[in-house]
Amino acid sequence: MVMHRRTIRARFFTLVSVLLFGIAVLSMLSGCGSNRKYTITGRITSGGTAFNNVRVTLTPDGSSQVVATTVTDADGNYSFQDVTGGTYQLTPSPTNNTFFSPPFRKVYLDGLDALGFNFSSSNEGRLAASTHTVFIKNDGTVWTWGKNDNGQLGDGTTTQRTSPVQVPGLSGVIAIAAGGSHTVVIQSDHTVWCWGNNANNQLGNNSTIQSSVPVQAIGLTNAIAIAAGSTHTVALKSDNTVWTWGGNGNGQLGIGNTTQNTVPVQVGSIANVIAIAAGGTHTIAVRNDITRISVWTWGNNASGQLGIGNTTQSTYPVQVSNLTNVTTVSGGADFSVAMKDDGTVWTWGNNSNGQLGIGNTTQSMLPVQAGGLSTATAIAAGAIHSAALQNDGTVWTWGGNGNGQLGNGNTTDALNAVQLPLF
């Protein structure tokens, strides 16, 4: 083949141009990953209403060094601009004994901005209820009433109370949970205290003797959230580890066996947890990994309450199928409820009383979306009913209603969410 000099020169320049263009593109692409800045936004509400002037802190994950701080505006919005890539912790600060759920969020900046990292406030009026009710006032004191046969009211007696009595010796309490017949709180120093029935070691004090006054769960510090089942107790620590103790007949402690524990033990097969809940004999956790937020469950699964597509119980954490971006979870007697960051509510498990809110009484072994709820900011599950708070301040309930627990003026079960007339 004969090739003219001009042709050779033209092809040479073309090759050089392509190489230079390729180098330029590679330089641009490599620069994008290392130099990109991100935006983090979210909103903080109190009872569905904007909560302004709340200080929000951004720190690198695992460090106390503050990267930036801001405060919410009149509409409850906050924003961090020009944040470099990495993993951070986002924390709203308590204000006048007001605390937030979740207490913090892990933020992963790698290719996408972090949008809609919302928090809701929890202040005076926080309640936990089983056959007894627990209430935190805004001064951090705890008040109880209701059934007290196992000392679950914590007032030093086993006398049933029809009006609130103060639990002596407690102040600065920041979280509460009511189990089947025991009660659990977190004090401001992040220690855990329990009282009531202890037949299954649910008080965590290495004893089976019930206590009508608070006793400290042994060896547990840095707790930021708690949950209580029928006979077991769950705590989340600030290092995002989960600790359990008490009854374990269905594997609800998540430690790979069915032996109950007399003191708190770590659920070793799960980490990076940001929220917990306890059902009657099962446990739920929200896990925040680098790539996504997922939900994990363990324990009893006779009604499909683990959300894994079958009814086989598990003594260790298993991932709920097809459920991501969850911010809050709650456990009923044998069903589960989750709220996603888009305000939708998802349920699974027993549905004999309509507690899944899907318009029928068919149980589901996989998460299904509860109808009519798209702007939820808080959820709660009772034994056989559920409730949700929407961002307009309205309260919606569904499920079993034989004792009027739905608050809608009758005692008929509701298969779909109904709005309470007084909210």
Protein backbone atom coordinates (compact mmCIF):
# COMPACT_ATOMS: atom_id res chain seq x y z
CA MET A 1 0.00 0.00 0.00
CA VAL A 2 1.23 3.47 -0.87
CA MET A 3 0.41 6.24 1.62
CA HIS A 4 1.00 9.90 0.88
CA ARG A 5 2.93 12.06 3.37
CA ARG A 6 -0.07 14.42 3.76
CA THR A 7 -2.31 11.48 4.66
CA ILE A 8 0.20 10.23 7.22
CA ARG A 9 0.46 13.71 8.75
CA ALA A 10 -3.32 14.07 8.90
CA ARG A 11 -3.75 10.72 10.62
CA PHE A 12 -0.97 11.55 13.05
CA PHE A 13 -2.65 14.78 14.09
CA THR A 14 -5.98 12.98 14.36
CA LEU A 15 -4.45 10.35 16.64
CA VAL A 16 -2.78 13.01 18.78
CA SER A 17 -6.07 14.92 19.03
CA VAL A 18 -7.93 11.81 20.14
CA LEU A 19 -5.27 11.02 22.75
CA LEU A 20 -5.30 14.57 24.10
CA PHE A 21 -9.10 14.58 24.21
CA GLY A 22 -9.07 11.25 26.06
CA ILE A 23 -6.55 12.55 28.60
CA ALA A 24 -8.62 15.68 29.10
CA VAL A 25 -11.80 13.65 29.69
CA LEU A 26 -10.03 11.37 32.15
CA SER A 27 -8.67 14.39 33.98
CA MET A 28 -12.15 15.89 34.18
CA LEU A 29 -13.67 12.65 35.43
CA SER A 30 -11.01 12.07 38.05
CA GLY A 31 -11.39 15.65 39.22
CA CYS A 32 -15.17 15.34 39.58
CA GLY A 33 -14.99 12.61 42.23
CA SER A 34 -12.40 14.29 44.42
CA ASN A 35 -13.52 17.91 44.21
CA ARG A 36 -17.31 17.65 44.19
CA LYS A 37 -19.18 19.44 46.95
CA TYR A 38 -22.53 18.25 48.31
CA THR A 39 -25.69 19.68 49.86
CA ILE A 40 -27.46 18.27 52.93
CA THR A 41 -31.02 19.42 53.65
CA GLY A 42 -33.84 18.42 55.97
CA ARG A 43 -36.68 19.60 58.17
CA ILE A 44 -37.44 19.37 61.89
CA THR A 45 -41.02 19.31 63.13
CA SER A 46 -42.85 19.15 66.43
CA GLY A 47 -46.22 17.41 66.24
CA GLY A 48 -46.24 18.03 62.50
CA THR A 49 -45.52 21.75 62.95
CA ALA A 50 -42.27 23.45 61.98
CA PHE A 51 -39.72 23.61 64.80
CA ASN A 52 -37.57 26.69 64.30
CA ASN A 53 -34.24 27.77 65.80
CA VAL A 54 -33.04 24.21 66.46
CA ARG A 55 -29.26 23.87 66.27
CA VAL A 56 -28.06 21.11 63.93
CA THR A 57 -24.46 19.88 64.02
CA LEU A 58 -22.45 18.11 61.32
CA THR A 59 -19.51 15.97 62.45
CA PRO A 60 -17.39 13.33 60.69
CA ASP A 61 -18.58 9.83 61.57
CA GLY A 62 -16.66 8.56 64.58
CA SER A 63 -15.30 11.99 65.48
CA SER A 64 -16.41 14.78 67.80
CA GLN A 65 -14.81 17.45 65.60
CA VAL A 66 -17.57 19.79 64.38
CA VAL A 67 -17.47 20.47 60.64
CA ALA A 68 -20.39 22.92 60.58
CA THR A 69 -23.47 24.02 62.47
CA THR A 70 -26.70 25.69 61.44
CA VAL A 71 -30.16 26.40 62.86
CA THR A 72 -33.58 25.71 61.43
CA ASP A 73 -35.58 28.57 59.91
CA ALA A 74 -39.19 29.51 60.61
CA ASP A 75 -40.37 26.60 58.46
CA GLY A 76 -38.16 24.11 60.29
CA ASN A 77 -35.73 23.76 57.38
CA TYR A 78 -31.95 23.49 57.65
CA SER A 79 -29.24 23.21 55.04
CA PHE A 80 -25.51 22.54 54.76
CA GLN A 81 -23.85 23.64 51.54
CA ASP A 82 -20.50 22.81 49.90
CA VAL A 83 -19.77 19.73 52.03
CA THR A 84 -16.96 17.49 50.83
CA GLY A 85 -17.56 13.79 50.21
CA GLY A 86 -17.41 11.37 53.12
CA THR A 87 -19.44 9.95 55.99
CA TYR A 88 -20.93 12.29 58.57
CA GLN A 89 -23.25 12.34 61.57
CA LEU A 90 -26.10 14.83 61.59
CA THR A 91 -27.40 15.70 65.06
CA PRO A 92 -30.16 18.13 66.16
CA SER A 93 -29.51 19.45 69.67
CA PRO A 94 -32.05 19.07 72.49
CA THR A 95 -33.87 22.27 73.42
CA ASN A 96 -35.54 22.63 76.82
CA ASN A 97 -35.70 18.86 77.36
CA THR A 98 -36.94 18.33 73.81
CA PHE A 99 -35.34 15.39 72.05
CA PHE A 100 -35.56 14.14 68.51
CA SER A 101 -36.39 10.96 66.65
CA PRO A 102 -34.15 9.62 65.32
CA PRO A 103 -31.57 11.18 67.69
CA PHE A 104 -29.08 11.50 64.81
CA ARG A 105 -28.63 10.41 61.21
CA LYS A 106 -25.59 9.08 59.39
CA VAL A 107 -25.05 10.86 56.09
CA TYR A 108 -23.10 9.31 53.22
CA LEU A 109 -21.93 11.74 50.54
CA ASP A 110 -20.75 9.80 47.52
CA GLY A 111 -22.29 10.77 44.20
CA LEU A 112 -25.59 12.21 45.46
CA ASP A 113 -26.71 15.09 47.66
CA ALA A 114 -28.36 14.15 50.98
CA LEU A 115 -31.88 15.53 50.74
CA GLY A 116 -34.79 15.32 53.15
CA PHE A 117 -33.03 14.16 56.32
CA ASN A 118 -36.00 14.92 58.55
CA PHE A 119 -36.37 14.72 62.33
CA SER A 120 -39.44 14.97 64.57
CA SER A 121 -39.43 16.24 68.13
CA SER A 122 -40.40 14.32 71.23
CA ASN A 123 -41.13 16.41 74.32
CA GLU A 124 -43.68 16.60 77.10
CA GLY A 125 -46.47 14.20 76.32
CA ARG A 126 -44.26 11.29 75.34
CA LEU A 127 -46.17 8.15 76.19
CA ALA A 128 -45.56 4.43 76.26
CA ALA A 129 -48.47 2.13 76.97
CA SER A 130 -49.27 -1.53 77.49
CA THR A 131 -51.62 -2.49 80.35
CA HIS A 132 -49.96 0.42 82.10
CA THR A 133 -48.98 3.86 80.85
CA VAL A 134 -45.74 5.80 81.24
CA PHE A 135 -45.38 9.55 80.70
CA ILE A 136 -42.37 11.89 80.69
CA LYS A 137 -42.91 15.49 81.71
CA ASN A 138 -40.71 18.21 80.27
CA ASP A 139 -38.79 18.39 83.53
CA GLY A 140 -37.56 14.83 82.97
CA THR A 141 -39.70 13.24 85.68
CA VAL A 142 -41.63 10.02 85.01
CA TRP A 143 -45.29 9.43 85.84
CA THR A 144 -47.18 6.14 85.59
CA TRP A 145 -50.66 4.71 86.00
CA GLY A 146 -52.64 1.55 85.30
CA LYS A 147 -52.01 -2.09 86.16
CA ASN A 148 -49.34 -2.66 88.82
CA ASP A 149 -49.45 -6.31 89.86
CA ASN A 150 -45.74 -6.71 89.10
CA GLY A 151 -44.65 -3.29 90.30
CA GLN A 152 -44.51 -1.95 86.73
CA LEU A 153 -45.54 1.52 87.89
CA GLY A 154 -42.27 1.90 89.83
CA ASP A 155 -43.79 3.66 92.81
CA GLY A 156 -42.64 1.08 95.36
CA THR A 157 -46.01 -0.68 95.55
CA THR A 158 -48.13 -3.17 93.62
CA THR A 159 -51.25 -1.03 93.94
CA GLN A 160 -53.11 -0.30 90.71
CA ARG A 161 -53.41 3.43 89.99
CA THR A 162 -56.22 5.14 88.12
CA SER A 163 -54.39 8.48 88.10
CA PRO A 164 -50.71 9.32 87.51
CA VAL A 165 -48.13 8.81 90.27
CA GLN A 166 -44.52 9.96 90.08
CA VAL A 167 -41.77 7.38 89.96
CA PRO A 168 -39.48 8.45 92.82
CA GLY A 169 -35.76 8.92 92.36
CA LEU A 170 -35.84 9.61 88.62
CA SER A 171 -35.08 12.89 86.90
CA GLY A 172 -33.58 13.89 83.60
CA VAL A 173 -35.20 10.93 81.84
CA ILE A 174 -34.91 11.16 78.05
CA ALA A 175 -36.60 7.97 76.80
CA ILE A 176 -39.19 5.45 77.99
CA ALA A 177 -40.66 2.11 76.97
CA ALA A 178 -43.45 -0.04 78.39
CA GLY A 179 -43.26 -3.81 78.08
CA GLY A 180 -45.89 -6.41 78.86
CA SER A 181 -45.49 -5.85 82.60
CA HIS A 182 -42.19 -4.01 82.96
CA THR A 183 -40.94 -0.49 82.28
CA VAL A 184 -37.63 0.86 81.00
CA VAL A 185 -36.13 4.37 80.89
CA ILE A 186 -32.92 6.07 79.83
CA GLN A 187 -31.55 8.74 82.16
CA SER A 188 -29.68 11.82 80.95
CA ASP A 189 -26.37 10.09 81.71
CA HIS A 190 -27.45 7.41 79.18
CA THR A 191 -27.75 4.62 81.74
CA VAL A 192 -30.78 2.30 81.58
CA TRP A 193 -33.14 1.67 84.49
CA CYS A 194 -35.93 -0.89 84.69
CA TRP A 195 -38.70 -2.02 87.01
CA GLY A 196 -41.63 -4.43 87.18
CA ASN A 197 -41.86 -8.10 86.24
CA ASN A 198 -38.52 -9.88 86.11
CA ALA A 199 -39.48 -13.53 85.72
CA ASN A 200 -37.61 -13.61 82.40
CA ASN A 201 -34.72 -11.35 83.44
CA GLN A 202 -36.21 -8.43 81.50
CA LEU A 203 -34.85 -5.95 84.05
CA GLY A 204 -31.28 -6.85 83.12
CA ASN A 205 -29.97 -6.84 86.70
CA ASN A 206 -28.88 -10.50 86.87
CA SER A 207 -31.93 -11.49 88.89
CA THR A 208 -35.41 -12.90 88.46
CA ILE A 209 -36.86 -10.97 91.40
CA GLN A 210 -39.40 -8.37 90.37
CA SER A 211 -38.81 -4.79 91.48
CA SER A 212 -41.36 -2.10 92.20
CA VAL A 213 -38.63 0.57 92.11
CA PRO A 214 -36.07 1.32 89.36
CA VAL A 215 -32.97 -0.88 89.16
CA GLN A 216 -30.07 -0.33 86.79
CA ALA A 217 -29.46 -2.67 83.88
CA ILE A 218 -25.98 -4.04 84.52
CA GLY A 219 -23.07 -2.89 82.38
CA LEU A 220 -25.05 -0.81 79.90
CA THR A 221 -23.93 2.76 79.17
CA ASN A 222 -24.24 5.23 76.31
CA ALA A 223 -27.81 4.16 75.52
CA ILE A 224 -29.74 6.45 73.18
CA ALA A 225 -32.92 4.43 72.51
CA ILE A 226 -34.85 1.62 74.17
CA ALA A 227 -37.72 -0.74 73.37
CA ALA A 228 -39.61 -3.32 75.41
CA GLY A 229 -41.46 -6.47 74.31
CA SER A 230 -43.64 -8.80 76.30
CA THR A 231 -40.70 -10.25 78.23
CA HIS A 232 -37.57 -8.85 76.58
CA THR A 233 -35.81 -5.49 76.40
CA VAL A 234 -33.73 -3.86 73.67
CA ALA A 235 -31.32 -0.92 73.78
CA LEU A 236 -29.45 1.03 71.10
CA LYS A 237 -26.09 2.50 72.06
CA SER A 238 -24.44 5.62 70.65
CA ASP A 239 -21.96 3.45 68.74
CA ASN A 240 -24.96 2.04 66.78
CA THR A 241 -24.78 -1.39 68.41
CA VAL A 242 -27.87 -3.24 69.68
CA TRP A 243 -28.06 -4.88 73.11
CA THR A 244 -30.80 -7.23 74.36
CA TRP A 245 -31.80 -9.11 77.49
CA GLY A 246 -34.69 -11.05 79.02
CA GLY A 247 -37.02 -13.62 77.49
CA ASN A 248 -35.73 -15.42 74.41
CA GLY A 249 -38.05 -18.37 73.80
CA ASN A 250 -38.54 -17.28 70.17
CA GLY A 251 -35.04 -15.95 69.55
CA GLN A 252 -36.14 -12.34 70.10
CA LEU A 253 -32.73 -11.46 71.58
CA GLY A 254 -31.08 -12.10 68.21
CA ILE A 255 -28.05 -13.90 69.60
CA GLY A 256 -28.40 -17.20 67.72
CA ASN A 257 -30.12 -19.24 70.43
CA THR A 258 -33.25 -19.31 72.59
CA THR A 259 -31.57 -18.96 75.99
CA GLN A 260 -32.70 -15.94 77.99
CA ASN A 261 -30.10 -13.47 79.22
CA THR A 262 -29.90 -12.06 82.73
CA VAL A 263 -27.90 -8.98 81.69
CA PRO A 264 -27.56 -7.02 78.42
CA VAL A 265 -25.63 -8.74 75.63
CA GLN A 266 -24.70 -7.37 72.22
CA VAL A 267 -26.46 -8.60 69.09
CA GLY A 268 -23.17 -9.31 67.40
CA SER A 269 -24.38 -9.89 63.85
CA ILE A 270 -25.77 -6.40 63.21
CA ALA A 271 -24.14 -2.95 63.27
CA ASN A 272 -24.78 0.62 62.06
CA VAL A 273 -28.26 0.58 63.62
CA ILE A 274 -30.12 3.90 63.92
CA ALA A 275 -33.54 2.83 65.27
CA ILE A 276 -35.05 -0.10 67.19
CA ALA A 277 -38.45 -1.46 68.15
CA ALA A 278 -39.79 -4.48 70.01
CA GLY A 279 -42.91 -6.44 69.21
CA GLY A 280 -44.45 -8.96 71.55
CA THR A 281 -41.81 -11.61 70.87
CA HIS A 282 -39.87 -10.15 67.95
CA THR A 283 -37.44 -7.29 67.44
CA ILE A 284 -36.95 -4.75 64.63
CA ALA A 285 -33.93 -2.62 63.74
CA VAL A 286 -33.17 0.00 61.08
CA ARG A 287 -29.67 -0.30 59.68
CA ASN A 288 -27.86 2.54 57.90
CA ASP A 289 -25.06 1.23 55.74
CA ILE A 290 -23.00 3.13 53.19
CA THR A 291 -25.18 2.10 50.25
CA ARG A 292 -28.68 2.15 51.76
CA ILE A 293 -30.96 2.08 54.78
CA SER A 294 -32.50 -1.34 55.44
CA VAL A 295 -34.73 -3.04 58.04
CA TRP A 296 -33.77 -6.19 59.94
CA THR A 297 -35.88 -8.39 62.22
CA TRP A 298 -35.54 -11.45 64.43
CA GLY A 299 -37.60 -13.60 66.79
CA ASN A 300 -41.12 -15.03 66.46
CA ASN A 301 -42.47 -15.22 62.92
CA ALA A 302 -45.64 -17.30 63.24
CA SER A 303 -47.67 -14.53 61.58
CA GLY A 304 -45.01 -13.32 59.17
CA GLN A 305 -44.03 -10.42 61.44
CA LEU A 306 -40.37 -10.67 60.36
CA GLY A 307 -41.32 -9.66 56.82
CA ILE A 308 -39.12 -12.20 55.07
CA GLY A 309 -41.77 -14.03 53.00
CA ASN A 310 -42.24 -17.04 55.28
CA THR A 311 -43.25 -17.94 58.85
CA THR A 312 -39.96 -19.40 60.05
CA GLN A 313 -38.66 -17.78 63.25
CA SER A 314 -35.09 -16.53 63.33
CA THR A 315 -32.70 -16.34 66.27
CA TYR A 316 -30.47 -13.87 64.44
CA PRO A 317 -31.17 -10.73 62.35
CA VAL A 318 -32.62 -11.26 58.87
CA GLN A 319 -33.32 -8.52 56.34
CA VAL A 320 -36.91 -7.51 55.61
CA SER A 321 -37.62 -7.99 51.92
CA ASN A 322 -37.81 -5.00 49.58
CA LEU A 323 -37.91 -2.27 52.21
CA THR A 324 -35.44 0.64 52.18
CA ASN A 325 -35.21 4.30 53.26
CA VAL A 326 -37.02 3.64 56.54
CA THR A 327 -36.67 6.17 59.37
CA THR A 328 -38.90 4.71 62.10
CA VAL A 329 -40.20 1.28 63.10
CA SER A 330 -42.70 -0.01 65.65
CA GLY A 331 -43.78 -3.48 66.76
CA GLY A 332 -47.22 -4.81 67.64
CA ALA A 333 -48.02 -8.12 69.30
CA ASP A 334 -47.34 -10.04 66.08
CA PHE A 335 -47.06 -7.45 63.34
CA SER A 336 -44.66 -4.68 62.37
CA VAL A 337 -44.93 -1.10 61.10
CA ALA A 338 -42.36 1.06 59.33
CA MET A 339 -42.32 4.66 58.13
CA LYS A 340 -40.23 5.61 55.11
CA ASP A 341 -38.57 8.97 54.56
CA ASP A 342 -41.18 9.83 51.91
CA GLY A 343 -43.93 9.73 54.56
CA THR A 344 -45.46 6.41 53.49
CA VAL A 345 -46.29 3.68 56.02
CA TRP A 346 -45.60 -0.02 55.46
CA THR A 347 -46.85 -2.97 57.50
CA TRP A 348 -46.54 -6.76 57.66
CA GLY A 349 -47.55 -9.70 59.85
CA ASN A 350 -50.87 -10.56 61.51
CA ASN A 351 -53.89 -8.73 60.13
CA SER A 352 -56.85 -10.43 61.78
CA ASN A 353 -58.07 -7.07 63.11
CA GLY A 354 -57.03 -4.94 60.16
CA GLN A 355 -53.87 -3.77 61.91
CA LEU A 356 -51.98 -3.64 58.60
CA GLY A 357 -54.33 -0.95 57.26
CA ILE A 358 -54.67 -2.46 53.80
CA GLY A 359 -58.48 -2.77 53.57
CA ASN A 360 -58.74 -6.47 54.44
CA THR A 361 -57.84 -8.98 57.15
CA THR A 362 -55.35 -11.07 55.18
CA GLN A 363 -51.95 -11.40 56.87
CA SER A 364 -48.87 -10.49 54.87
CA MET A 365 -45.44 -12.03 55.19
CA LEU A 366 -43.96 -9.15 53.17
CA PRO A 367 -44.23 -5.36 53.63
CA VAL A 368 -47.38 -3.81 52.14
CA GLN A 369 -48.25 -0.13 52.01
CA ALA A 370 -50.96 1.09 54.37
CA GLY A 371 -53.50 3.06 52.39
CA GLY A 372 -54.28 6.75 52.76
CA LEU A 373 -51.01 7.74 54.45
CA SER A 374 -48.43 9.66 52.45
CA THR A 375 -47.10 12.38 54.76
CA ALA A 376 -46.55 10.50 58.03
CA THR A 377 -44.10 11.94 60.55
CA ALA A 378 -44.56 9.42 63.40
CA ILE A 379 -45.99 5.92 63.88
CA ALA A 380 -46.88 3.62 66.76
CA ALA A 381 -48.14 0.06 67.08
CA GLY A 382 -50.33 -1.28 69.87
CA ALA A 383 -51.06 -4.94 70.47
CA ILE A 384 -53.59 -5.14 67.60
CA HIS A 385 -53.87 -1.57 66.28
CA SER A 386 -51.70 1.13 64.75
CA ALA A 387 -51.52 4.91 64.68
CA ALA A 388 -49.81 7.56 62.57
CA LEU A 389 -49.28 11.30 62.82
CA GLN A 390 -49.30 13.16 59.49
CA ASN A 391 -47.41 16.38 58.80
CA ASP A 392 -50.59 18.45 58.93
CA GLY A 393 -50.98 17.49 62.60
CA THR A 394 -53.80 14.99 62.02
CA VAL A 395 -53.80 11.59 63.75
CA TRP A 396 -54.93 8.44 61.96
CA THR A 397 -55.62 5.01 63.48
CA TRP A 398 -56.57 1.55 62.22
CA GLY A 399 -56.92 -2.07 63.37
CA GLY A 400 -58.52 -3.62 66.44
CA ASN A 401 -60.98 -1.40 68.28
CA GLY A 402 -62.83 -3.61 70.76
CA ASN A 403 -61.81 -1.32 73.62
CA GLY A 404 -62.14 1.92 71.69
CA GLN A 405 -58.38 2.14 71.19
CA LEU A 406 -58.77 3.79 67.78
CA GLY A 407 -60.35 6.85 69.38
CA ASN A 408 -62.87 7.33 66.58
CA GLY A 409 -66.04 7.18 68.66
CA ASN A 410 -66.95 3.51 68.23
CA THR A 411 -65.68 -0.01 68.95
CA THR A 412 -65.62 -1.36 65.39
CA ASP A 413 -62.35 -2.52 63.87
CA ALA A 414 -61.05 -0.34 61.03
CA LEU A 415 -59.40 -2.04 58.06
CA ASN A 416 -58.14 1.29 56.71
CA ALA A 417 -56.67 4.34 58.44
CA VAL A 418 -59.34 6.70 59.79
CA GLN A 419 -58.74 10.26 60.95
CA LEU A 420 -59.45 11.09 64.58
CA PRO A 421 -62.13 13.81 64.69
CA LEU A 422 -60.47 15.83 67.47
CA PHE A 423 -57.03 16.17 65.88
